[in-house]
Amino acid sequence: MQVHIRLNGALATRAGRGRLTLELPAEATVADVMERLKQELPDARPLIERAVAVIAGVHAPAAHPVGAGQEVALLLPMAGG
């Protein structure tokens, strides 16, 4: 199945693009998306490891299933006050 990925901020800059599409097994989870992204974008690995996955506007934990055609946005945590 295809899953659409949206990268933001420093993650998009490091990856050299803001969007990509991954081909994943039908039973894929957010953890599978993150692992595949680390393989596809090795220069962005440290940022991917810190990123938070968001699906349909809601934080998605690692075990959350990902559906065909779904968009997974990766957001980096912000620091500050």
Protein backbone atom coordinates (compact mmCIF):
# COMPACT_ATOMS: atom_id res chain seq x y z
CA MET A 1 0.00 0.00 0.00
CA GLN A 2 1.08 3.59 -0.47
CA VAL A 3 1.41 5.98 2.46
CA HIS A 4 2.04 9.69 1.98
CA ILE A 5 4.56 11.38 4.25
CA ARG A 6 4.71 15.10 5.02
CA LEU A 7 7.93 16.43 6.51
CA ASN A 8 8.12 19.80 8.24
CA GLY A 9 10.74 22.29 9.31
CA ALA A 10 14.30 21.09 9.78
CA LEU A 11 13.26 17.57 8.82
CA ALA A 12 12.13 18.71 5.36
CA THR A 13 15.28 20.77 4.98
CA ARG A 14 17.54 17.84 5.91
CA ALA A 15 15.61 15.46 3.63
CA GLY A 16 15.67 17.95 0.75
CA ARG A 17 11.91 17.66 0.22
CA GLY A 18 8.68 18.15 2.09
CA ARG A 19 6.69 15.19 0.80
CA LEU A 20 7.26 11.63 -0.28
CA THR A 21 5.32 8.43 -0.76
CA LEU A 22 6.32 5.07 0.70
CA GLU A 23 5.25 1.58 -0.34
CA LEU A 24 4.53 -0.44 2.83
CA PRO A 25 2.86 -3.74 3.73
CA ALA A 26 -0.90 -3.60 4.36
CA GLU A 27 -0.44 -4.18 8.11
CA ALA A 28 2.08 -1.33 8.55
CA THR A 29 2.22 0.79 11.70
CA VAL A 30 3.71 4.17 12.51
CA ALA A 31 6.83 2.31 13.71
CA ASP A 32 7.16 0.74 10.25
CA VAL A 33 6.86 4.17 8.64
CA MET A 34 9.60 5.56 10.87
CA GLU A 35 11.95 2.63 10.19
CA ARG A 36 11.45 2.90 6.43
CA LEU A 37 12.07 6.65 6.55
CA LYS A 38 15.36 6.10 8.39
CA GLN A 39 16.40 3.77 5.53
CA GLU A 40 15.19 6.14 2.79
CA LEU A 41 16.60 9.31 4.37
CA PRO A 42 19.76 8.31 6.30
CA ASP A 43 20.96 11.93 6.63
CA ALA A 44 17.72 12.78 8.44
CA ARG A 45 17.86 9.78 10.82
CA PRO A 46 18.62 11.79 14.01
CA LEU A 47 15.64 14.05 13.33
CA ILE A 48 13.32 11.18 12.40
CA GLU A 49 14.14 9.56 15.74
CA ARG A 50 12.89 12.70 17.54
CA ALA A 51 9.86 13.31 15.32
CA VAL A 52 6.24 12.91 16.39
CA ALA A 53 3.87 11.23 13.92
CA VAL A 54 0.48 12.86 13.35
CA ILE A 55 -2.37 11.22 11.43
CA ALA A 56 -5.59 13.14 10.74
CA GLY A 57 -4.50 15.85 13.19
CA VAL A 58 -3.95 13.45 16.10
CA HIS A 59 -0.68 12.21 17.62
CA ALA A 60 -0.19 8.61 16.50
CA PRO A 61 1.85 6.27 18.75
CA ALA A 62 4.27 3.73 17.25
CA ALA A 63 1.75 0.86 17.33
CA HIS A 64 -0.95 2.86 15.50
CA PRO A 65 -1.92 1.21 12.19
CA VAL A 66 -1.49 3.20 8.99
CA GLY A 67 -4.06 2.86 6.22
CA ALA A 68 -3.59 2.85 2.46
CA GLY A 69 -3.42 6.37 1.06
CA GLN A 70 -3.19 7.94 4.50
CA GLU A 71 -0.94 10.93 5.18
CA VAL A 72 1.49 10.77 8.08
CA ALA A 73 2.93 14.14 9.09
CA LEU A 74 6.19 14.19 11.02
CA LEU A 75 6.62 17.10 13.39
CA LEU A 76 9.65 17.93 15.46
CA PRO A 77 9.12 18.84 19.12
CA MET A 78 9.64 22.49 19.91
CA ALA A 79 11.67 23.76 22.83
CA GLY A 80 11.36 27.06 24.57
CA GLY A 81 9.11 28.95 26.85
